[in-house]
Protein backbone atom coordinates (compact mmCIF):
# COMPACT_ATOMS: atom_id res chain seq x y z
CA MET A 1 69.84 73.56 146.53
CA ASP A 2 73.33 72.22 145.59
CA ASN A 3 75.49 74.57 144.21
CA ASN A 4 78.59 72.75 143.51
CA ASN A 5 77.98 72.28 139.65
CA THR A 6 79.89 75.14 137.85
CA PRO A 7 78.24 75.87 134.37
CA TYR A 8 82.10 76.45 132.80
CA GLY A 9 80.45 77.16 129.03
CA LYS A 10 78.27 80.23 130.59
CA LEU A 11 81.90 81.78 131.86
CA VAL A 12 82.05 82.79 128.07
CA ILE A 13 79.97 85.06 128.46
CA LEU A 14 81.85 87.12 130.90
CA TYR A 15 84.43 87.97 128.62
CA ILE A 16 82.02 89.31 125.80
CA PRO A 17 82.38 92.88 127.10
CA TRP A 18 86.60 92.30 126.74
CA LEU A 19 86.20 90.68 123.17
CA LEU A 20 83.92 93.32 121.86
CA SER A 21 86.39 95.97 123.49
CA LEU A 22 89.48 94.67 121.50
CA LEU A 23 87.29 94.38 118.48
CA PHE A 24 86.54 98.46 118.71
CA ASP A 25 90.40 98.99 119.24
CA SER A 26 90.44 101.34 116.30
CA ASP A 27 88.22 103.85 118.22
CA PRO A 28 89.82 104.30 121.40
CA LEU A 29 86.70 105.72 122.94
CA LEU A 30 84.36 103.03 121.66
CA SER A 31 86.88 100.72 123.06
CA TYR A 32 86.93 102.23 126.42
CA PHE A 33 83.03 102.50 126.95
CA THR A 34 82.71 99.39 125.94
CA ALA A 35 85.27 97.62 128.26
CA TRP A 36 83.68 100.20 131.13
CA ALA A 37 80.24 99.42 130.84
CA GLY A 38 81.45 95.43 130.82
CA SER A 39 82.19 95.56 134.08
CA PHE A 40 78.41 96.73 134.55
CA PHE A 41 77.47 94.04 132.97
CA ILE A 42 79.63 91.81 134.92
CA PHE A 43 78.46 92.76 137.81
CA TYR A 44 74.93 91.95 136.62
CA VAL A 45 75.12 88.61 135.34
CA THR A 46 77.11 87.50 138.44
CA LEU A 47 74.97 89.29 141.27
CA THR A 48 71.94 88.07 139.41
CA GLY A 49 72.92 84.70 139.55
CA LYS A 50 72.71 84.39 135.59
CA ILE A 51 75.94 82.82 135.21
CA LYS A 52 76.01 80.50 138.66
CA PRO A 53 73.15 80.93 141.04
CA LEU A 54 74.26 82.90 144.53
CA PRO A 55 74.48 80.46 147.75
CA ASP A 56 70.62 80.11 148.87
CA ASP A 57 71.47 79.41 152.40
CA ARG A 58 70.99 82.71 153.52
CA PRO A 59 68.90 85.59 152.15
CA PHE A 60 70.70 87.87 149.77
CA ALA A 61 70.88 90.45 152.41
CA ASP A 62 72.57 87.94 154.90
CA GLN A 63 75.84 87.04 153.15
CA ILE A 64 76.68 90.14 151.70
CA MET A 65 80.74 89.60 152.96
CA ARG A 66 80.72 86.46 150.66
CA PRO A 67 83.78 87.09 148.06
CA ILE A 68 81.30 87.38 145.33
CA ILE A 69 79.19 90.19 146.26
CA LEU A 70 81.33 92.30 148.34
CA VAL A 71 84.72 91.71 147.67
CA GLN A 72 83.59 92.01 143.38
CA ILE A 73 81.82 95.33 143.99
CA ILE A 74 84.78 96.92 146.13
CA PHE A 75 87.75 95.49 144.25
CA ALA A 76 86.45 95.38 140.73
CA GLY A 77 83.81 99.08 141.25
CA TYR A 78 87.41 100.82 142.48
CA MET A 79 89.62 99.21 140.03
CA ALA A 80 87.66 99.41 136.99
CA CYS A 81 84.56 101.77 137.05
CA SER A 82 86.22 104.88 138.78
CA SER A 83 88.47 105.59 135.54
CA ILE A 84 85.45 107.31 134.10
CA PHE A 85 86.56 110.38 135.98
CA TYR A 86 90.13 110.54 134.56
CA LEU A 87 88.89 109.95 131.09
CA LEU A 88 86.52 112.62 130.87
CA ASN A 89 89.29 114.94 132.73
CA THR A 90 91.40 114.08 129.49
CA LEU A 91 88.32 115.23 126.91
CA GLY A 92 88.48 118.61 129.10
CA TYR A 93 85.94 118.43 131.31
CA TYR A 94 85.66 120.10 134.64
CA ASN A 95 83.65 119.01 137.27
CA PHE A 96 81.23 117.07 134.77
CA THR A 97 81.18 120.76 132.75
CA ALA A 98 81.87 120.41 129.21
CA PRO A 99 85.42 122.55 128.03
CA GLN A 100 83.91 125.76 126.81
CA ILE A 101 85.97 125.80 123.43
CA ALA A 102 87.38 122.98 121.51
CA ILE A 103 90.32 121.56 122.96
CA LEU A 104 93.06 119.11 121.07
CA GLN A 105 92.56 115.87 122.16
CA ASP A 106 95.34 114.02 123.20
CA THR A 107 95.06 110.82 121.08
CA ASN A 108 98.03 108.93 122.11
CA LYS A 109 96.74 109.12 126.09
CA ILE A 110 93.21 108.26 125.15
CA GLN A 111 94.40 105.03 123.56
CA LEU A 112 96.33 104.01 126.53
CA ILE A 113 93.34 104.78 128.99
CA ALA A 114 91.40 102.60 126.65
CA GLN A 115 94.30 100.12 127.11
CA CYS A 116 94.06 100.31 131.13
CA GLN A 117 90.39 99.83 130.48
CA ARG A 118 90.58 96.88 128.52
CA TYR A 119 92.84 95.18 131.18
CA TYR A 120 90.44 95.97 133.68
CA CYS A 121 87.38 94.82 132.11
CA LEU A 122 89.85 91.48 131.58
CA ALA A 123 90.83 91.23 135.11
CA HIS A 124 87.07 91.86 136.60
CA ALA A 125 86.02 88.79 134.18
CA ALA A 126 89.34 86.67 135.42
CA MET A 127 88.87 87.24 139.19
CA VAL A 128 85.04 86.33 139.00
CA SER A 129 85.74 83.52 136.71
CA GLY A 130 87.71 82.21 140.04
CA MET A 131 85.39 82.74 142.64
CA ILE A 132 82.50 80.84 140.45
CA CYS A 133 84.95 77.68 139.33
CA PHE A 134 85.80 77.47 143.71
CA MET A 135 82.16 78.50 145.12
CA ARG A 136 80.54 75.39 146.81
CA TYR A 137 77.93 75.76 148.78
CA PRO A 138 76.40 75.05 151.15
CA ILE A 139 79.26 74.22 153.64
CA LYS A 140 79.09 71.22 154.92
CA LYS A 141 78.94 72.09 159.44
CA GLN A 142 81.84 70.50 161.14
CA PHE A 143 81.69 72.69 164.04
CA LYS A 144 79.01 74.87 165.55
CA ILE A 145 79.04 77.68 167.96
CA ASP A 146 75.79 78.48 170.76
CA ASN A 147 73.62 81.57 169.38
CA GLN A 148 73.57 83.00 172.64
CA ASN A 149 77.35 83.36 172.80
CA ILE A 150 77.78 84.47 169.50
CA ALA A 151 77.35 88.63 170.50
CA ASN A 152 79.67 87.68 173.36
CA LEU A 153 81.74 86.08 171.68
CA LEU A 154 82.72 88.74 169.08
CA LEU A 155 82.61 91.48 171.86
CA TYR A 156 85.51 89.66 173.71
CA ALA A 157 87.30 89.28 170.23
CA ALA A 158 87.15 92.94 169.91
CA VAL A 159 88.54 93.70 173.25
CA ILE A 160 91.06 91.08 172.85
CA SER A 161 92.41 91.71 169.25
CA PHE A 162 92.96 95.07 169.83
CA PRO A 163 95.90 95.32 172.80
CA LEU A 164 97.25 92.55 170.36
CA SER A 165 97.40 94.67 167.74
CA ILE A 166 99.64 97.15 169.44
CA VAL A 167 101.51 94.35 171.07
CA PHE A 168 102.91 93.29 167.78
CA LEU A 169 103.26 96.83 166.37
CA LYS A 170 105.76 97.31 169.17
CA VAL A 171 107.65 94.30 168.73
CA PRO A 172 110.76 94.50 166.62
CA GLY A 173 110.12 92.25 163.56
CA LEU A 174 106.45 91.35 164.07
CA SER A 175 104.56 94.91 162.88
CA GLN A 176 103.56 92.60 159.77
CA PHE A 177 100.67 91.54 162.10
CA SER A 178 99.41 94.22 163.52
CA ASN A 179 97.13 95.24 161.16
CA GLN A 180 95.76 91.75 161.04
CA PHE A 181 94.90 92.62 164.68
CA SER A 182 93.80 95.49 164.41
CA SER A 183 91.48 94.92 161.42
CA LEU A 184 89.60 91.97 163.01
CA SER A 185 89.14 94.18 166.00
CA PHE A 186 87.51 96.65 163.64
CA ILE A 187 85.11 94.19 162.45
CA SER A 188 84.47 92.17 165.62
CA GLY A 189 83.48 95.31 167.40
CA THR A 190 81.32 96.74 164.53
CA LEU A 191 79.40 93.22 164.32
CA ALA A 192 79.68 93.00 167.81
CA LEU A 193 77.66 96.09 167.74
CA ALA A 194 75.20 95.52 165.05
CA LEU A 195 74.28 92.45 166.66
CA ALA A 196 73.87 93.81 170.37
CA ILE A 197 71.07 96.58 169.15
CA PRO A 198 68.57 93.99 168.11
CA LEU A 199 69.26 92.05 171.12
CA LYS A 200 68.59 94.77 172.99
CA LYS A 201 71.76 94.19 175.41
CA VAL A 202 72.73 97.55 176.98
CA GLY A 203 75.90 96.47 178.37
CA ASN A 204 77.40 95.00 175.01
CA THR A 205 75.64 97.88 173.01
CA ALA A 206 77.48 100.32 175.07
CA ILE A 207 81.08 98.68 175.12
CA SER A 208 80.88 97.91 171.24
CA LEU A 209 79.43 101.60 170.31
CA ALA A 210 82.22 102.62 172.40
CA LEU A 211 84.72 100.52 170.61
CA TYR A 212 83.12 101.59 167.44
CA LEU A 213 83.45 105.27 168.29
CA SER A 214 87.15 104.65 169.14
CA ASN A 215 87.91 103.17 166.06
CA PHE A 216 86.16 105.72 164.03
CA TYR A 217 88.20 108.80 165.81
CA THR A 218 91.16 106.47 164.76
CA ALA A 219 89.98 106.82 161.25
CA LEU A 220 89.18 110.16 161.25
CA THR A 221 92.92 111.71 162.65
CA SER A 222 94.43 108.89 160.31
CA GLY A 223 94.66 111.32 157.56
CA PHE A 224 93.12 108.85 155.10
CA LYS A 225 89.21 108.67 153.58
CA GLU A 226 89.29 104.79 153.27
CA PRO A 227 88.98 103.88 156.82
CA ILE A 228 86.70 106.21 157.37
CA ILE A 229 84.41 105.23 154.47
CA LEU A 230 84.72 101.82 155.73
CA SER A 231 83.54 102.21 158.82
CA VAL A 232 80.47 103.63 158.23
CA MET A 233 79.63 101.18 155.23
CA VAL A 234 80.39 97.89 157.26
CA LEU A 235 78.22 99.10 159.88
CA GLY A 236 75.59 99.26 157.36
CA ILE A 237 76.28 95.82 155.65
CA PHE A 238 75.86 94.52 159.17
CA LEU A 239 72.71 96.58 160.17
CA TYR A 240 71.27 95.92 156.40
CA PRO A 241 69.79 92.25 157.40
CA VAL A 242 67.41 93.47 160.64
CA TYR A 243 67.44 97.61 159.52
CA LYS A 244 67.01 97.51 155.45
CA LYS A 245 65.19 100.97 155.27
CA MET A 246 67.03 102.53 157.87
CA VAL A 247 70.44 101.60 156.47
CA LEU A 248 68.73 102.73 152.49
CA LEU A 249 67.78 105.70 154.20
CA ILE A 250 70.72 106.60 156.55
CA PHE A 251 73.68 105.01 155.56
CA ILE A 252 73.36 105.42 151.47
CA PRO A 253 73.46 109.02 151.62
CA ALA A 254 76.20 109.25 154.30
CA LEU A 255 78.63 107.55 151.95
CA LEU A 256 77.40 109.96 149.52
CA ILE A 257 78.31 112.68 151.69
CA LEU A 258 81.48 111.41 152.93
CA PHE A 259 82.42 110.96 149.14
CA VAL A 260 81.83 114.96 148.74
CA LEU A 261 83.63 116.00 152.06
CA LEU A 262 86.40 113.90 152.48
CA PRO A 263 88.61 114.70 149.94
CA THR A 264 88.65 118.41 151.55
CA TYR A 265 88.94 116.74 154.73
CA ALA A 266 91.59 114.38 154.37
CA ASN A 267 93.85 117.10 152.06
CA THR A 268 93.21 119.89 155.12
CA PHE A 269 93.95 117.08 157.76
CA ARG A 270 97.35 116.31 156.21
CA GLN A 271 98.29 119.83 155.79
CA ASN A 272 98.25 120.99 159.42
CA ALA A 273 98.79 117.76 161.45
CA TRP A 274 101.67 115.89 159.10
CA ALA A 275 103.32 119.63 158.74
CA GLY A 276 103.72 119.20 162.53
CA ASP A 277 101.67 122.89 162.74
CA ALA A 278 98.84 121.19 164.83
CA ASN A 279 98.08 118.04 166.69
CA SER A 280 95.65 115.60 165.59
CA ASP A 281 92.44 117.59 167.32
CA GLU A 282 93.49 120.59 166.03
CA ALA A 283 93.92 119.45 162.40
CA THR A 284 90.83 117.55 162.79
CA GLN A 285 88.48 120.76 164.02
CA LEU A 286 90.13 122.72 161.02
CA ALA A 287 89.57 120.02 158.56
CA LEU A 288 85.77 119.84 159.52
CA ASN A 289 85.78 123.27 159.13
CA ALA A 290 87.23 123.19 155.53
CA ALA A 291 85.01 120.45 154.57
CA LEU A 292 81.88 121.78 155.41
CA SER A 293 83.32 125.09 153.95
CA LYS A 294 82.25 125.70 149.96
CA ASP A 295 85.35 127.23 149.41
CA SER A 296 87.98 125.12 147.33
CA LYS A 297 86.07 122.01 147.67
CA ASP A 298 85.28 122.00 144.15
CA ASP A 299 88.96 121.92 143.48
CA THR A 300 90.07 119.11 145.96
CA ASN A 301 86.77 117.01 145.07
CA TRP A 302 87.35 116.87 141.15
CA ASP A 303 91.40 116.39 141.57
CA PHE A 304 90.28 113.16 144.35
CA LEU A 305 87.99 111.84 141.77
CA VAL A 306 90.61 112.28 139.03
CA PHE A 307 94.08 111.35 140.52
CA ARG A 308 93.04 109.52 143.96
CA LEU A 309 89.89 107.15 143.37
CA SER A 310 91.35 105.69 140.20
CA GLU A 311 95.14 104.55 139.85
CA ILE A 312 94.64 104.35 135.62
CA ASP A 313 97.09 107.14 135.55
CA MET A 314 100.46 105.26 137.09
CA PHE A 315 98.99 102.57 134.87
CA THR A 316 99.25 104.25 131.48
CA ILE A 317 102.54 104.96 132.33
CA PHE A 318 103.97 101.50 133.41
CA ILE A 319 102.27 100.59 129.74
CA GLN A 320 104.20 103.23 128.49
CA SER A 321 107.45 101.52 129.57
CA THR A 322 106.55 97.79 129.75
CA PRO A 323 107.64 95.90 127.45
CA SER A 324 109.12 98.78 125.19
CA ARG A 325 111.83 100.04 127.57
CA ILE A 326 111.72 97.55 130.34
CA ASP A 327 110.93 93.69 129.95
CA PHE A 328 107.84 91.70 131.40
CA TYR A 329 109.09 90.86 135.26
CA GLY A 330 108.40 87.14 134.70
CA PHE A 331 108.06 85.09 138.28
CA ASP A 332 110.57 88.18 139.76
CA LEU A 333 107.57 89.47 141.63
CA ILE A 334 106.70 86.22 143.12
CA LYS A 335 109.92 85.97 144.22
CA GLN A 336 110.67 88.98 146.02
CA SER A 337 106.98 88.05 147.46
CA LEU A 338 108.31 85.20 148.62
CA ILE A 339 111.11 86.86 150.93
CA VAL A 340 108.77 89.49 152.18
CA VAL A 341 106.73 86.48 153.83
CA VAL A 342 109.42 85.50 156.17
CA PRO A 343 109.14 87.88 159.22
CA ARG A 344 111.56 90.32 159.86
CA ILE A 345 112.17 88.66 163.45
CA PHE A 346 114.23 85.53 161.75
CA TRP A 347 116.14 88.09 159.04
CA PRO A 348 116.50 91.04 160.40
CA THR A 349 118.53 92.59 157.21
CA LYS A 350 115.85 91.34 155.28
CA PRO A 351 115.06 93.96 152.66
CA SER A 352 112.17 96.57 152.61
CA THR A 353 109.32 95.71 151.55
CA GLU A 354 108.59 99.37 150.52
CA ASP A 355 112.22 99.49 148.83
CA LEU A 356 111.25 96.36 146.72
CA VAL A 357 107.89 97.82 145.29
CA MET A 358 109.09 101.26 144.72
CA GLN A 359 111.94 100.24 142.58
CA ARG A 360 109.49 99.29 139.75
CA VAL A 361 108.05 102.56 140.30
CA TYR A 362 111.11 104.39 139.71
CA ASP A 363 112.48 102.28 137.47
CA ALA A 364 109.23 102.75 134.93
CA GLY A 365 109.29 106.97 135.50
CA VAL A 366 106.05 106.64 137.72
CA ILE A 367 107.47 109.15 140.36
CA SER A 368 111.18 110.45 140.89
CA ARG A 369 113.85 108.76 143.02
CA ASN A 370 113.66 112.24 145.06
CA SER A 371 110.09 112.23 145.58
CA ASN A 372 108.67 111.75 148.96
CA VAL A 373 105.41 110.06 147.51
CA SER A 374 104.60 106.48 147.87
CA ALA A 375 102.88 105.59 144.61
CA LYS A 376 102.96 101.12 145.07
CA PRO A 377 101.13 99.31 141.89
CA ALA A 378 97.93 98.10 142.12
CA PHE A 379 97.55 94.11 142.12
CA VAL A 380 96.43 93.98 138.06
CA VAL A 381 99.33 96.52 137.16
CA ASP A 382 101.82 93.81 139.28
CA ALA A 383 99.87 91.11 137.14
CA TYR A 384 100.63 93.01 133.87
CA LEU A 385 104.10 93.74 134.64
CA SER A 386 104.39 90.18 135.07
CA GLY A 387 103.19 88.74 131.76
CA GLY A 388 100.89 91.45 129.90
CA THR A 389 97.41 89.87 129.12
CA LEU A 390 97.96 86.46 130.16
CA GLY A 391 99.50 87.72 133.26
CA VAL A 392 96.58 89.78 134.15
CA PHE A 393 94.21 86.71 133.56
CA ILE A 394 96.59 84.19 135.31
CA ALA A 395 96.73 86.40 138.40
CA LEU A 396 93.34 87.60 138.75
CA PHE A 397 91.58 84.10 138.24
CA ILE A 398 93.92 83.11 141.20
CA TYR A 399 92.95 86.04 142.97
CA GLY A 400 89.42 85.68 142.94
CA ALA A 401 89.85 81.88 143.20
CA LEU A 402 91.81 82.35 146.51
CA ALA A 403 89.35 84.63 148.00
CA GLN A 404 86.55 82.38 147.53
CA TYR A 405 88.54 79.35 148.69
CA ILE A 406 89.50 81.19 151.88
CA SER A 407 85.90 82.44 152.64
CA GLN A 408 84.62 78.98 152.52
CA LYS A 409 87.68 77.36 154.80
CA ALA A 410 86.82 79.88 156.95
CA GLU A 411 83.07 78.92 156.94
CA LEU A 412 84.03 75.37 157.40
CA LEU A 413 86.60 76.00 160.36
CA PHE A 414 84.24 78.49 162.23
CA GLY A 415 80.63 76.89 162.09
CA GLY A 416 79.09 79.05 159.01
CA TYR A 417 78.76 82.03 157.50
CA MET A 418 78.77 84.94 160.85
CA LEU A 419 82.23 83.66 162.55
CA GLY A 420 83.70 81.91 159.47
CA THR A 421 82.99 84.91 156.24
CA ALA A 422 81.68 87.62 158.51
CA LEU A 423 84.04 88.04 161.24
CA ILE A 424 87.22 85.80 159.98
CA PHE A 425 87.64 86.25 156.23
CA SER A 426 86.53 90.02 156.35
CA GLY A 427 88.90 91.05 159.69
CA LEU A 428 91.93 89.14 158.58
CA PHE A 429 91.62 89.33 154.66
CA GLN A 430 90.55 92.78 154.49
CA ILE A 431 93.44 93.25 151.60
CA PHE A 432 91.13 91.17 148.97
CA TRP A 433 88.77 94.35 149.03
CA ARG A 434 90.86 96.67 147.27
CA GLY A 435 94.07 94.90 146.84
CA LEU A 436 97.64 96.11 146.43
CA SER A 437 100.74 94.92 145.05
CA PHE A 438 101.96 91.05 145.25
CA GLU A 439 104.80 91.63 147.85
CA PHE A 440 101.70 92.85 150.09
CA ILE A 441 99.30 90.67 149.41
CA ILE A 442 100.97 87.23 149.49
CA ASN A 443 102.76 88.64 152.67
CA ASN A 444 99.23 89.17 154.40
CA VAL A 445 97.11 86.23 153.13
CA PHE A 446 99.73 83.51 153.78
CA TRP A 447 100.33 84.80 157.51
CA SER A 448 96.49 85.95 157.71
CA TYR A 449 95.72 82.02 156.61
CA ILE A 450 98.10 80.83 159.32
CA THR A 451 96.51 82.96 161.90
CA MET A 452 93.39 81.83 160.92
CA LEU A 453 94.04 78.09 161.47
CA LEU A 454 95.35 78.99 165.04
CA ILE A 455 92.37 81.10 166.28
CA ALA A 456 90.22 77.84 165.33
CA LYS A 457 92.45 75.37 166.84
CA ILE A 458 92.18 78.26 169.98
CA LEU A 459 88.56 78.20 169.88
CA ARG A 460 88.27 74.29 169.71
CA SER A 461 90.34 73.64 172.64
CA ARG A 462 88.20 75.98 174.68
CA ASN A 463 85.39 74.24 173.56
CA ILE A 464 83.93 77.38 171.98
CA LEU A 465 83.62 75.73 168.33
CA ILE A 466 82.17 72.14 169.10
CA PRO A 467 82.30 69.49 166.56
CA VAL A 468 79.00 68.86 165.10
């Protein structure tokens, strides 16, 4: 079926929850829940193909890595759905337990939360609109690769890209390219493992498993929760098409357990390893013991759900300062992003990206200049700071359109979904899953796109990618 016809009239359906939430503005709780539930409505009408049919060139399980599915679920889920815990905490709930006595509600704070949630709902609708408008399937094949060589190619990609990430990390001025190849190594190694297991390739399975365990150990000793969760989630996604029941029975419970244990684990690891009180291995053992113990876990988990899982607390502060005290930035953040794109090797005195981003954080009073905490604004916050409601709509529409376009370009260059979207798009453009400040997004996407073109050219020159 040709998937190129976009039902532009149906796109209006995506904005109904946002419009309703505006209508209920006088009742902030009703407005919040309308916008919050609206994101689940958007998930439903897009993932079931009611706005525009999903591509039918592959079964649903074999196209999960495409933007309309995975990018939407992770990005919008993190952005728009996780704020419920912050609202409950503001209403006096603790660990899902209602307050024992009536408390005086902060009406102004609840109004701010509802306002943020309305922006989240608009952002979700705009991002999906961009994806749907640019969604063109099936992709006409220009290149192909021998299916027998894919498993080996993925293994080679993992083995080669890992040392490249270390090289770029060590070369002054080129460290920004390190994360690209590190992510590519992780995705290619995980995908190689998922393909090698059903093919019963003992050698490939052993090497891929060793790479996967190495990446998992690195994630475990990073002090961050996200790499650990992604390690398990991505392997489950890659195994799902072949082992559906096993993934549902093992990986979904495993992810839920990780969400329960990781806040305590990460907190304990940082207290010991980052403070220099223990090496990585010792800190890991102490963190595991703490995570498996019941002591203080409830406090840590609730704080994680309220303040770490969602970034709405920061968003409310930005809304209070802009535009009442600080005017909208207009194109200033875009201009700063163009500065960041220039590699430091060509501009040794280039301003620090961290300093550029943190300046607006300090100006808004999110954290003190004397604080050692990093609090970079999310993509939707930068969209708001640039132009309010219109800024959110335009920026998020472009975000979705760009993710969709690049994924399709990757499938065109690399002969289809497996190498194009599952490997290259998910490996080089993983930043689309979460979304960061404008400077980080624009820099990463620009150079990842250049890297994608170079990899395609190398594979063509080596006759790995063969013209159809």
